[in-house]
Each structure stands twice: as C-alpha cells, then as structure tokens.
Amino acid sequence: GFQEFLHEDVPDPRTLPVEGQWVEIRGVLSVATSPNDTWKDYGHLANGPKHFKAQIYPRALLFHDVLVRLALPQPSCTLCKTGAYIVHDLSGPKHWKRMWPILDDWSRRPPRPLSQLMEFAWNERDIPHGKLRLNELDGRLQIMRTSPQLPAHQLQPQAAAQVAAASAAPAVLAATVAPAAPVAAAPVATPVLASVPEHSEVSQQHHAQPQPKEDDTDLDSTLGSKKGETRPDRPSDQQQREDRVRRLCMWRVSQMDRSEVQQQWSIIVNSTRAALMASRYQ
C-alpha cells in the first residue's frame, strides 16, 4: 500500500485525525535559553557550523528520503537555491556562510525575535493525500492531511459548478449554484462551396433574380492577362486549368454577400491551393 513507500517514522497522512492541521514529526533542534530570542540563545546555532551540521543532517535526510521514496522531485534548499542535494547543502559550509549574515542582521538593526524569522524558513512540498515541510532553520519536520480535489471535468455538474464558483470573486461565493439543464447539441452544418444556404436572405434574392453569367473578360483583366493569352513559362493546358480554377472561385465569391464570404473564405482558399498544387505536379 501507500504506507510501504513512506518512511517508518512518517505517518500516512490519511490516518491523521484532523484535516488541514500540521502534525509534528520532529521537534525543534533547540529552544531559546533567554527572553532575548537571538541566535545566541539557540544551542544548535550558537555552537557553530559543525554542531549545526550534526543536528540538521538527519532532519534533511528524512525529508529528502520521504519525497524520493514517493517518486517526487528531490527537494533543494530554499535559501541557497542552487538545486544541490539538500542534505549536503544544509549541512555544508556554504549554506552556513549564506545563513550567518541573515541571522546576525536580524538580531542587530533593530533586534527582532529569531522565532519570527524561523516562520520564513519552511521548505514545503506536496505529497499524496497531504503536505510535508521542513524548517531549514530550527529543524522541525511536520506533515498535514489534505482532501484530494478532483479536476472539474471529473465532478458531477452541480459539484463542478460549485468548485468554479468557489474560485471566483467573493461576490459569487454567496450565490447558490444550481445544476444547469442539459442542452441538446445543435447539428453542425457542413459548408458547401458550390451552393449558398437555403435559409439565407441573400440566397433567396438570388433565386428570385436571374443569376449573372461568369464574365471571362473581367476575370482575365483582374488576373492581369488578356483572354486567350498564355504564359510562355508554363504549358498551355496547365495555364488554362489554373485560370479556370481562379475564375470559378472569383465568380463564386462575387455571388455571395460579405458575411458569407467571411464564413467560407478559408474553405475557398484551401480548395484553390489544393487545385493549384495538383495541376502543377500532374
């Protein structure tokens, strides 16, 4: 089961009694010995880098092993941000050199309790059914149980609407979300290049009036060539075939109104390109 992938000292988050509440697996490395609450009052910091290394090493190793055994990305130090192995990073001399000026400055101008700084030193990661976090300054290791939330497309319609409303503005949260009635999908009409839809007003006018014939003269002048003229760089049959396709398309566009041109423009362009390519390689 899932428990087999967890460390023996780390509980299964599903067995925790309260959801959303942190449970301590390992406590602080040391407590303040005076009300001044500076780094000098904490033994794991005041005794130097070697003592800090010996204290933080097993905590970082446990934090790393839990995530790796769950096939999650390896954690890294949030202070150094080098992406190095967190166990060696937290217990190494470079981490101590980066951490020491922060501790010293926090206790000097003006003096502030070190316990406040410790709340900014959490390294928190998501795990299945919960969260796991390590305090890189005082060594605390904690775990929390969370409720898994399915994606919206896997929820029932009413539940999906409630999830969407919960992530919206606060004004929307007070509204009661009712399940939407199923709407029948409208049939998708396939556009036909050679005909205009029967329900179009423009098409009805075209049916009522005689349709103009294709004007080869205007089309030839638009294409920049005279009627019957052939270009010397291509054979005559290919020239006529390409011109025929262009004239057909332009004549078809001239019979449609603006809206119909916009609706079928992509279809006309694609079919024209296909016909031109086919004529060139035949």
C-alpha atoms as a PDB file:
ATOM      1  CA  GLY A   1       0.000   0.000   0.000  1.00  0.00           C
ATOM      2  CA  PHE A   2       0.865   3.661   0.187  1.00  0.00           C
ATOM      3  CA  GLN A   3       2.365   3.252   3.651  1.00  0.00           C
ATOM      4  CA  GLU A   4       5.088   0.996   2.243  1.00  0.00           C
ATOM      5  CA  PHE A   5       6.579   3.956   0.352  1.00  0.00           C
ATOM      6  CA  LEU A   6       6.680   6.172   3.439  1.00  0.00           C
ATOM      7  CA  HIS A   7       9.462   6.233   5.988  1.00  0.00           C
ATOM      8  CA  GLU A   8       8.804   4.216   9.125  1.00  0.00           C
ATOM      9  CA  ASP A   9       8.901   7.410  11.218  1.00  0.00           C
ATOM     10  CA  VAL A  10       6.469   9.283   8.950  1.00  0.00           C
ATOM     11  CA  PRO A  11       2.743   8.557   9.363  1.00  0.00           C
ATOM     12  CA  ASP A  12       0.355   8.074   6.481  1.00  0.00           C
ATOM     13  CA  PRO A  13      -1.371  11.469   6.082  1.00  0.00           C
ATOM     14  CA  ARG A  14      -4.704   9.688   5.539  1.00  0.00           C
ATOM     15  CA  THR A  15      -4.562   8.416   9.131  1.00  0.00           C
ATOM     16  CA  LEU A  16      -4.191  11.873  10.679  1.00  0.00           C
ATOM     17  CA  PRO A  17      -7.232  12.790  12.771  1.00  0.00           C
ATOM     18  CA  VAL A  18      -7.710  16.407  11.637  1.00  0.00           C
ATOM     19  CA  GLU A  19      -7.572  17.633   8.087  1.00  0.00           C
ATOM     20  CA  GLY A  20      -5.594  20.830   7.414  1.00  0.00           C
ATOM     21  CA  GLN A  21      -3.671  20.724  10.719  1.00  0.00           C
ATOM     22  CA  TRP A  22       0.092  20.277  10.907  1.00  0.00           C
ATOM     23  CA  VAL A  23       1.350  17.320  12.923  1.00  0.00           C
ATOM     24  CA  GLU A  24       4.920  17.421  14.191  1.00  0.00           C
ATOM     25  CA  ILE A  25       7.194  14.509  13.299  1.00  0.00           C
ATOM     26  CA  ARG A  26      10.393  16.065  14.641  1.00  0.00           C
ATOM     27  CA  GLY A  27      10.563  18.988  17.058  1.00  0.00           C
ATOM     28  CA  VAL A  28      12.921  21.972  17.219  1.00  0.00           C
ATOM     29  CA  LEU A  29      16.645  21.317  17.471  1.00  0.00           C
ATOM     30  CA  SER A  30      16.909  23.658  20.435  1.00  0.00           C
ATOM     31  CA  VAL A  31      14.844  26.234  22.349  1.00  0.00           C
ATOM     32  CA  ALA A  32      15.739  29.783  23.389  1.00  0.00           C
ATOM     33  CA  THR A  33      17.546  29.977  26.712  1.00  0.00           C
ATOM     34  CA  SER A  34      16.738  33.679  27.323  1.00  0.00           C
ATOM     35  CA  PRO A  35      13.902  36.081  26.530  1.00  0.00           C
ATOM     36  CA  ASN A  36      16.179  37.971  24.118  1.00  0.00           C
ATOM     37  CA  ASP A  37      15.407  35.326  21.500  1.00  0.00           C
ATOM     38  CA  THR A  38      18.544  35.837  19.380  1.00  0.00           C
ATOM     39  CA  TRP A  39      20.712  33.276  17.602  1.00  0.00           C
ATOM     40  CA  LYS A  40      22.982  33.217  20.658  1.00  0.00           C
ATOM     41  CA  ASP A  41      20.121  31.727  22.678  1.00  0.00           C
ATOM     42  CA  TYR A  42      19.744  28.643  20.444  1.00  0.00           C
ATOM     43  CA  GLY A  43      22.282  25.893  21.036  1.00  0.00           C
ATOM     44  CA  HIS A  44      22.225  24.429  17.505  1.00  0.00           C
ATOM     45  CA  LEU A  45      23.193  27.877  16.164  1.00  0.00           C
ATOM     46  CA  ALA A  46      25.393  29.282  18.907  1.00  0.00           C
ATOM     47  CA  ASN A  47      27.736  26.269  18.992  1.00  0.00           C
ATOM     48  CA  GLY A  48      28.978  26.838  15.440  1.00  0.00           C
ATOM     49  CA  PRO A  49      28.690  25.244  11.993  1.00  0.00           C
ATOM     50  CA  LYS A  50      29.896  21.771  12.993  1.00  0.00           C
ATOM     51  CA  HIS A  51      27.233  21.429  15.657  1.00  0.00           C
ATOM     52  CA  PHE A  52      24.575  22.756  13.278  1.00  0.00           C
ATOM     53  CA  LYS A  53      25.681  20.220  10.657  1.00  0.00           C
ATOM     54  CA  ALA A  54      25.341  17.316  13.079  1.00  0.00           C
ATOM     55  CA  GLN A  55      21.871  18.488  14.141  1.00  0.00           C
ATOM     56  CA  ILE A  56      20.308  19.356  10.771  1.00  0.00           C
ATOM     57  CA  TYR A  57      21.759  16.440   8.790  1.00  0.00           C
ATOM     58  CA  PRO A  58      19.313  13.694   9.963  1.00  0.00           C
ATOM     59  CA  ARG A  59      16.309  16.016   9.565  1.00  0.00           C
ATOM     60  CA  ALA A  60      17.225  16.928   5.999  1.00  0.00           C
ATOM     61  CA  LEU A  61      17.926  13.275   5.195  1.00  0.00           C
ATOM     62  CA  LEU A  62      14.489  12.190   6.445  1.00  0.00           C
ATOM     63  CA  PHE A  63      12.787  14.989   4.498  1.00  0.00           C
ATOM     64  CA  HIS A  64      14.660  14.011   1.324  1.00  0.00           C
ATOM     65  CA  ASP A  65      14.066  10.263   1.675  1.00  0.00           C
ATOM     66  CA  VAL A  66      10.306  10.615   2.116  1.00  0.00           C
ATOM     67  CA  LEU A  67       9.935  12.626  -1.097  1.00  0.00           C
ATOM     68  CA  VAL A  68      12.239  10.394  -3.126  1.00  0.00           C
ATOM     69  CA  ARG A  69      10.510   7.194  -1.994  1.00  0.00           C
ATOM     70  CA  LEU A  70       7.233   8.716  -3.175  1.00  0.00           C
ATOM     71  CA  ALA A  71       8.791   9.284  -6.624  1.00  0.00           C
ATOM     72  CA  LEU A  72       8.627  13.067  -6.164  1.00  0.00           C
ATOM     73  CA  PRO A  73      11.283  15.595  -7.255  1.00  0.00           C
ATOM     74  CA  GLN A  74      14.277  15.900  -4.963  1.00  0.00           C
ATOM     75  CA  PRO A  75      13.995  18.910  -2.636  1.00  0.00           C
ATOM     76  CA  SER A  76      16.567  21.687  -2.600  1.00  0.00           C
ATOM     77  CA  CYS A  77      17.455  24.429  -0.162  1.00  0.00           C
ATOM     78  CA  THR A  78      15.175  27.466  -0.316  1.00  0.00           C
ATOM     79  CA  LEU A  79      17.944  29.791   0.889  1.00  0.00           C
ATOM     80  CA  CYS A  80      20.796  28.777  -1.397  1.00  0.00           C
ATOM     81  CA  LYS A  81      18.568  27.895  -4.394  1.00  0.00           C
ATOM     82  CA  THR A  82      21.397  26.010  -6.103  1.00  0.00           C
ATOM     83  CA  GLY A  83      19.395  22.836  -6.735  1.00  0.00           C
ATOM     84  CA  ALA A  84      22.059  20.802  -4.908  1.00  0.00           C
ATOM     85  CA  TYR A  85      21.437  17.739  -2.744  1.00  0.00           C
ATOM     86  CA  ILE A  86      19.610  19.236   0.227  1.00  0.00           C
ATOM     87  CA  VAL A  87      21.282  17.012   2.834  1.00  0.00           C
ATOM     88  CA  HIS A  88      24.761  18.177   1.885  1.00  0.00           C
ATOM     89  CA  ASP A  89      23.566  21.716   1.213  1.00  0.00           C
ATOM     90  CA  LEU A  90      22.000  22.389   4.616  1.00  0.00           C
ATOM     91  CA  SER A  91      24.894  20.791   6.473  1.00  0.00           C
ATOM     92  CA  GLY A  92      27.644  22.302   4.289  1.00  0.00           C
ATOM     93  CA  PRO A  93      29.864  25.328   4.920  1.00  0.00           C
ATOM     94  CA  LYS A  94      28.462  27.388   2.024  1.00  0.00           C
ATOM     95  CA  HIS A  95      24.967  27.231   3.476  1.00  0.00           C
ATOM     96  CA  TRP A  96      26.282  28.372   6.840  1.00  0.00           C
ATOM     97  CA  LYS A  97      28.053  31.337   5.223  1.00  0.00           C
ATOM     98  CA  ARG A  98      24.831  32.395   3.500  1.00  0.00           C
ATOM     99  CA  MET A  99      22.744  31.915   6.631  1.00  0.00           C
ATOM    100  CA  TRP A 100      25.049  33.629   9.115  1.00  0.00           C
ATOM    101  CA  PRO A 101      24.736  37.254   7.837  1.00  0.00           C
ATOM    102  CA  ILE A 102      20.955  36.904   7.878  1.00  0.00           C
ATOM    103  CA  LEU A 103      20.923  35.708  11.492  1.00  0.00           C
ATOM    104  CA  ASP A 104      23.336  38.423  12.578  1.00  0.00           C
ATOM    105  CA  ASP A 105      21.463  41.214  10.815  1.00  0.00           C
ATOM    106  CA  TRP A 106      18.108  40.003  12.170  1.00  0.00           C
ATOM    107  CA  SER A 107      19.382  40.369  15.743  1.00  0.00           C
ATOM    108  CA  ARG A 108      21.019  43.783  15.281  1.00  0.00           C
ATOM    109  CA  ARG A 109      19.072  46.523  13.479  1.00  0.00           C
ATOM    110  CA  PRO A 110      16.642  46.587  15.219  1.00  0.00           C
ATOM    111  CA  PRO A 111      16.775  43.425  17.372  1.00  0.00           C
ATOM    112  CA  ARG A 112      13.895  41.130  16.486  1.00  0.00           C
ATOM    113  CA  PRO A 113      12.950  37.721  17.901  1.00  0.00           C
ATOM    114  CA  LEU A 114      14.578  34.901  15.949  1.00  0.00           C
ATOM    115  CA  SER A 115      11.389  32.871  16.292  1.00  0.00           C
ATOM    116  CA  GLN A 116       9.779  35.256  13.805  1.00  0.00           C
ATOM    117  CA  LEU A 117      12.499  34.550  11.239  1.00  0.00           C
ATOM    118  CA  MET A 118      12.014  30.815  11.680  1.00  0.00           C
ATOM    119  CA  GLU A 119       8.493  31.073  10.280  1.00  0.00           C
ATOM    120  CA  PHE A 120      10.003  32.146   6.922  1.00  0.00           C
ATOM    121  CA  ALA A 121      12.350  29.150   6.735  1.00  0.00           C
ATOM    122  CA  TRP A 122       9.817  26.458   5.779  1.00  0.00           C
ATOM    123  CA  ASN A 123      10.513  24.177   2.826  1.00  0.00           C
ATOM    124  CA  GLU A 124       7.044  22.825   1.976  1.00  0.00           C
ATOM    125  CA  ARG A 125       6.232  20.118  -0.565  1.00  0.00           C
ATOM    126  CA  ASP A 126       3.041  18.413  -1.727  1.00  0.00           C
ATOM    127  CA  ILE A 127       2.759  14.664  -1.217  1.00  0.00           C
ATOM    128  CA  PRO A 128      -0.113  12.256  -1.972  1.00  0.00           C
ATOM    129  CA  HIS A 129      -3.024  12.960   0.395  1.00  0.00           C
ATOM    130  CA  GLY A 130      -1.180  15.764   2.190  1.00  0.00           C
ATOM    131  CA  LYS A 131       1.804  18.072   2.614  1.00  0.00           C
ATOM    132  CA  LEU A 132       5.257  17.723   4.150  1.00  0.00           C
ATOM    133  CA  ARG A 133       7.524  20.542   5.277  1.00  0.00           C
ATOM    134  CA  LEU A 134      10.938  21.053   6.887  1.00  0.00           C
ATOM    135  CA  ASN A 135      12.092  24.136   8.734  1.00  0.00           C
ATOM    136  CA  GLU A 136      15.613  24.748   7.479  1.00  0.00           C
ATOM    137  CA  LEU A 137      16.472  26.926  10.471  1.00  0.00           C
ATOM    138  CA  ASP A 138      15.152  25.142  13.570  1.00  0.00           C
ATOM    139  CA  GLY A 139      14.861  21.596  12.125  1.00  0.00           C
ATOM    140  CA  ARG A 140      11.140  20.980  12.641  1.00  0.00           C
ATOM    141  CA  LEU A 141       9.535  18.383  10.364  1.00  0.00           C
ATOM    142  CA  GLN A 142       5.738  18.404  10.009  1.00  0.00           C
ATOM    143  CA  ILE A 143       3.053  16.665   7.973  1.00  0.00           C
ATOM    144  CA  MET A 144      -0.571  17.557   7.138  1.00  0.00           C
ATOM    145  CA  ARG A 145      -3.566  15.720   5.698  1.00  0.00           C
ATOM    146  CA  THR A 146      -5.425  17.376   2.838  1.00  0.00           C
ATOM    147  CA  SER A 147      -8.512  16.360   0.918  1.00  0.00           C
ATOM    148  CA  PRO A 148      -7.869  15.425  -2.715  1.00  0.00           C
ATOM    149  CA  GLN A 149      -9.754  17.634  -5.164  1.00  0.00           C
ATOM    150  CA  LEU A 150     -10.679  16.112  -8.491  1.00  0.00           C
ATOM    151  CA  PRO A 151     -10.463  18.164 -11.687  1.00  0.00           C
ATOM    152  CA  ALA A 152     -13.669  19.928 -12.663  1.00  0.00           C
ATOM    153  CA  HIS A 153     -14.296  17.665 -15.658  1.00  0.00           C
ATOM    154  CA  GLN A 154     -14.408  14.619 -13.356  1.00  0.00           C
ATOM    155  CA  LEU A 155     -17.008  16.073 -10.983  1.00  0.00           C
ATOM    156  CA  GLN A 156     -20.790  15.956 -11.248  1.00  0.00           C
ATOM    157  CA  PRO A 157     -22.354  19.017 -12.924  1.00  0.00           C
ATOM    158  CA  GLN A 158     -23.509  20.552  -9.644  1.00  0.00           C
ATOM    159  CA  ALA A 159     -20.205  19.887  -7.878  1.00  0.00           C
ATOM    160  CA  ALA A 160     -18.224  21.258 -10.817  1.00  0.00           C
ATOM    161  CA  ALA A 161     -20.290  24.450 -10.749  1.00  0.00           C
ATOM    162  CA  GLN A 162     -19.662  24.824  -7.016  1.00  0.00           C
ATOM    163  CA  VAL A 163     -15.912  24.403  -7.492  1.00  0.00           C
ATOM    164  CA  ALA A 164     -15.912  27.034 -10.223  1.00  0.00           C
ATOM    165  CA  ALA A 165     -17.927  29.406  -8.011  1.00  0.00           C
ATOM    166  CA  ALA A 166     -15.558  28.852  -5.086  1.00  0.00           C
ATOM    167  CA  SER A 167     -12.600  30.017  -7.181  1.00  0.00           C
ATOM    168  CA  ALA A 168     -14.415  33.112  -8.485  1.00  0.00           C
ATOM    169  CA  ALA A 169     -14.810  36.559  -6.904  1.00  0.00           C
ATOM    170  CA  PRO A 170     -16.141  36.799  -3.298  1.00  0.00           C
ATOM    171  CA  ALA A 171     -19.446  38.171  -4.573  1.00  0.00           C
ATOM    172  CA  VAL A 172     -20.051  34.968  -6.467  1.00  0.00           C
ATOM    173  CA  LEU A 173     -19.450  32.788  -3.393  1.00  0.00           C
ATOM    174  CA  ALA A 174     -22.741  33.831  -1.806  1.00  0.00           C
ATOM    175  CA  ALA A 175     -24.797  32.838  -4.840  1.00  0.00           C
ATOM    176  CA  THR A 176     -26.431  29.432  -4.910  1.00  0.00           C
ATOM    177  CA  VAL A 177     -25.183  27.402  -7.831  1.00  0.00           C
ATOM    178  CA  ALA A 178     -27.896  25.322  -9.452  1.00  0.00           C
ATOM    179  CA  PRO A 179     -27.193  22.474 -11.850  1.00  0.00           C
ATOM    180  CA  ALA A 180     -27.579  23.557 -15.428  1.00  0.00           C
ATOM    181  CA  ALA A 181     -30.188  21.795 -17.525  1.00  0.00           C
ATOM    182  CA  PRO A 182     -28.774  19.646 -20.292  1.00  0.00           C
ATOM    183  CA  VAL A 183     -28.722  21.394 -23.621  1.00  0.00           C
ATOM    184  CA  ALA A 184     -29.061  19.393 -26.799  1.00  0.00           C
ATOM    185  CA  ALA A 185     -26.154  19.849 -29.127  1.00  0.00           C
ATOM    186  CA  ALA A 186     -27.068  21.717 -32.270  1.00  0.00           C
ATOM    187  CA  PRO A 187     -26.188  19.932 -35.510  1.00  0.00           C
ATOM    188  CA  VAL A 188     -23.177  21.367 -37.229  1.00  0.00           C
ATOM    189  CA  ALA A 189     -23.873  22.296 -40.822  1.00  0.00           C
ATOM    190  CA  THR A 190     -21.143  21.428 -43.272  1.00  0.00           C
ATOM    191  CA  PRO A 191     -20.481  24.400 -45.578  1.00  0.00           C
ATOM    192  CA  VAL A 192     -20.792  23.615 -49.261  1.00  0.00           C
ATOM    193  CA  LEU A 193     -18.572  25.513 -51.625  1.00  0.00           C
ATOM    194  CA  ALA A 194     -20.811  25.242 -54.674  1.00  0.00           C
ATOM    195  CA  SER A 195     -24.086  26.379 -53.043  1.00  0.00           C
ATOM    196  CA  VAL A 196     -25.438  29.069 -50.706  1.00  0.00           C
ATOM    197  CA  PRO A 197     -27.575  28.030 -47.660  1.00  0.00           C
ATOM    198  CA  GLU A 198     -31.273  27.992 -48.480  1.00  0.00           C
ATOM    199  CA  HIS A 199     -32.254  30.000 -45.383  1.00  0.00           C
ATOM    200  CA  SER A 200     -30.016  32.955 -46.322  1.00  0.00           C
ATOM    201  CA  GLU A 201     -31.879  36.126 -47.305  1.00  0.00           C
ATOM    202  CA  VAL A 202     -29.283  36.878 -49.920  1.00  0.00           C
ATOM    203  CA  SER A 203     -29.718  33.419 -51.416  1.00  0.00           C
ATOM    204  CA  GLN A 204     -33.483  33.934 -51.635  1.00  0.00           C
ATOM    205  CA  GLN A 205     -32.886  37.179 -53.546  1.00  0.00           C
ATOM    206  CA  HIS A 206     -30.505  35.365 -55.846  1.00  0.00           C
ATOM    207  CA  HIS A 207     -33.104  32.674 -56.535  1.00  0.00           C
ATOM    208  CA  ALA A 208     -35.689  35.343 -57.291  1.00  0.00           C
ATOM    209  CA  GLN A 209     -33.409  37.212 -59.701  1.00  0.00           C
ATOM    210  CA  PRO A 210     -31.588  35.755 -62.704  1.00  0.00           C
ATOM    211  CA  GLN A 211     -28.000  34.878 -61.842  1.00  0.00           C
ATOM    212  CA  PRO A 212     -25.322  36.721 -63.819  1.00  0.00           C
ATOM    213  CA  LYS A 213     -23.101  34.661 -66.015  1.00  0.00           C
ATOM    214  CA  GLU A 214     -19.434  34.342 -65.431  1.00  0.00           C
ATOM    215  CA  ASP A 215     -17.587  37.164 -67.155  1.00  0.00           C
ATOM    216  CA  ASP A 216     -14.368  35.804 -68.560  1.00  0.00           C
ATOM    217  CA  THR A 217     -13.262  39.234 -69.772  1.00  0.00           C
ATOM    218  CA  ASP A 218     -13.427  40.857 -66.335  1.00  0.00           C
ATOM    219  CA  LEU A 219     -11.773  37.901 -64.740  1.00  0.00           C
ATOM    220  CA  ASP A 220      -8.970  37.871 -67.251  1.00  0.00           C
ATOM    221  CA  SER A 221      -8.351  41.584 -66.747  1.00  0.00           C
ATOM    222  CA  THR A 222      -8.360  41.123 -62.988  1.00  0.00           C
ATOM    223  CA  LEU A 223      -5.792  38.358 -63.287  1.00  0.00           C
ATOM    224  CA  GLY A 224      -3.606  40.652 -65.339  1.00  0.00           C
ATOM    225  CA  SER A 225      -3.823  38.772 -68.634  1.00  0.00           C
ATOM    226  CA  LYS A 226      -5.791  39.004 -71.820  1.00  0.00           C
ATOM    227  CA  LYS A 227      -8.366  36.475 -72.819  1.00  0.00           C
ATOM    228  CA  GLY A 228      -6.794  33.505 -74.548  1.00  0.00           C
ATOM    229  CA  GLU A 229      -3.258  34.657 -73.717  1.00  0.00           C
ATOM    230  CA  THR A 230      -0.849  32.001 -72.484  1.00  0.00           C
ATOM    231  CA  ARG A 231       2.290  32.459 -70.430  1.00  0.00           C
ATOM    232  CA  PRO A 232       5.474  31.110 -72.002  1.00  0.00           C
ATOM    233  CA  ASP A 233       6.885  29.774 -68.702  1.00  0.00           C
ATOM    234  CA  ARG A 234       4.200  27.048 -68.366  1.00  0.00           C
ATOM    235  CA  PRO A 235       2.429  24.656 -70.738  1.00  0.00           C
ATOM    236  CA  SER A 236      -0.865  25.846 -72.140  1.00  0.00           C
ATOM    237  CA  ASP A 237      -3.005  23.131 -70.508  1.00  0.00           C
ATOM    238  CA  GLN A 238      -1.725  23.934 -67.016  1.00  0.00           C
ATOM    239  CA  GLN A 239      -2.229  27.648 -67.651  1.00  0.00           C
ATOM    240  CA  GLN A 240      -5.842  27.132 -68.630  1.00  0.00           C
ATOM    241  CA  ARG A 241      -6.502  24.802 -65.732  1.00  0.00           C
ATOM    242  CA  GLU A 242      -5.182  27.245 -63.138  1.00  0.00           C
ATOM    243  CA  ASP A 243      -7.063  30.159 -64.697  1.00  0.00           C
ATOM    244  CA  ARG A 244     -10.243  28.120 -64.730  1.00  0.00           C
ATOM    245  CA  VAL A 245      -9.953  27.389 -61.021  1.00  0.00           C
ATOM    246  CA  ARG A 246      -9.281  31.040 -60.213  1.00  0.00           C
ATOM    247  CA  ARG A 247     -12.174  32.284 -62.335  1.00  0.00           C
ATOM    248  CA  LEU A 248     -14.510  29.775 -60.728  1.00  0.00           C
ATOM    249  CA  CYS A 249     -13.553  30.870 -57.247  1.00  0.00           C
ATOM    250  CA  MET A 250     -13.750  34.582 -58.003  1.00  0.00           C
ATOM    251  CA  TRP A 251     -17.109  34.193 -59.699  1.00  0.00           C
ATOM    252  CA  ARG A 252     -18.386  32.228 -56.705  1.00  0.00           C
ATOM    253  CA  VAL A 253     -17.236  34.989 -54.306  1.00  0.00           C
ATOM    254  CA  SER A 254     -18.938  37.674 -56.401  1.00  0.00           C
ATOM    255  CA  GLN A 255     -22.321  35.935 -55.846  1.00  0.00           C
ATOM    256  CA  MET A 256     -22.117  35.987 -52.039  1.00  0.00           C
ATOM    257  CA  ASP A 257     -22.620  38.780 -49.544  1.00  0.00           C
ATOM    258  CA  ARG A 258     -19.925  39.902 -47.100  1.00  0.00           C
ATOM    259  CA  SER A 259     -20.940  37.593 -44.264  1.00  0.00           C
ATOM    260  CA  GLU A 260     -20.935  34.531 -46.476  1.00  0.00           C
ATOM    261  CA  VAL A 261     -17.537  35.465 -47.846  1.00  0.00           C
ATOM    262  CA  GLN A 262     -16.150  35.615 -44.324  1.00  0.00           C
ATOM    263  CA  GLN A 263     -17.679  32.257 -43.417  1.00  0.00           C
ATOM    264  CA  GLN A 264     -16.375  30.369 -46.439  1.00  0.00           C
ATOM    265  CA  TRP A 265     -13.209  32.262 -47.185  1.00  0.00           C
ATOM    266  CA  SER A 266     -10.933  29.699 -45.567  1.00  0.00           C
ATOM    267  CA  ILE A 267     -12.606  26.870 -47.490  1.00  0.00           C
ATOM    268  CA  ILE A 268     -12.206  28.689 -50.798  1.00  0.00           C
ATOM    269  CA  VAL A 269      -8.540  29.434 -50.166  1.00  0.00           C
ATOM    270  CA  ASN A 270      -7.738  25.857 -49.167  1.00  0.00           C
ATOM    271  CA  SER A 271      -9.525  24.346 -52.143  1.00  0.00           C
ATOM    272  CA  THR A 272      -7.826  26.790 -54.525  1.00  0.00           C
ATOM    273  CA  ARG A 273      -4.399  25.945 -53.166  1.00  0.00           C
ATOM    274  CA  ALA A 274      -5.070  22.224 -53.441  1.00  0.00           C
ATOM    275  CA  ALA A 275      -6.228  22.572 -57.044  1.00  0.00           C
ATOM    276  CA  LEU A 276      -3.214  24.669 -57.993  1.00  0.00           C
ATOM    277  CA  MET A 277      -0.754  22.245 -56.427  1.00  0.00           C
ATOM    278  CA  ALA A 278      -2.441  19.293 -58.107  1.00  0.00           C
ATOM    279  CA  SER A 279      -2.285  20.985 -61.508  1.00  0.00           C
ATOM    280  CA  ARG A 280       1.400  21.774 -61.151  1.00  0.00           C
ATOM    281  CA  TYR A 281       2.511  18.251 -60.286  1.00  0.00           C
ATOM    282  CA  GLN A 282       0.292  16.339 -62.701  1.00  0.00           C
END
